[in-house]
Amino acid sequence: MAAKALEEALERVANWPEEAQRELAEIALEIDAELSGGVYHATADELEGIDRGLKEAREGRFASEGGLRETAAGMKVVYTQEALADLDAILEFISSHYPGVYAAFERRIQALEARIGA
C-alpha cells in the first residue's frame, strides 16, 4: 500500500519544476545516506558547487545576512491541495517505513520553508 502511494507521489513529482525535483532528490539522498550508515558521497555537481563556494570564500565573496533576509522577506510558500496531498503521502511513507529518519526529514522540509519565507 505505501509503495503504491509513493509510486503515485513520484509520478506527480515528474511534473514538478526541475528545481523542486532536485530538492526532493537531495532529501532522498540524505535519507539514503542515513540508512546506509551515514556515509554520503557527493555528486559531481555537488562537488563543483562546493569548489565554487570555497573559491568564493577565499576571495572574500559572501552574501550579507541582511541581504539574505531582504530577499526572503518578500517571498511566501503557498501549497496547492495536490501538493499538500503529495507531501502528506511522502511523509506518511517515510514515517511508516523509515521512522529513524522521519524527524530529520520533517525538519529539513520546515527549514526549506523557512528559508524560502513560509
Foldseek 3Di string as FASTA:
>chain_A
DLVVLLVVLVVVLVVDPPVVVVVVVVLVQCLVCVVVPNDGDDDPVVVVVVVVVVVCVVVVNDDDPVNQCVQLQPFADDDDPVRVSSVVSVLVSCCVPPVVCSVVSVVVVVVVRVSNHD
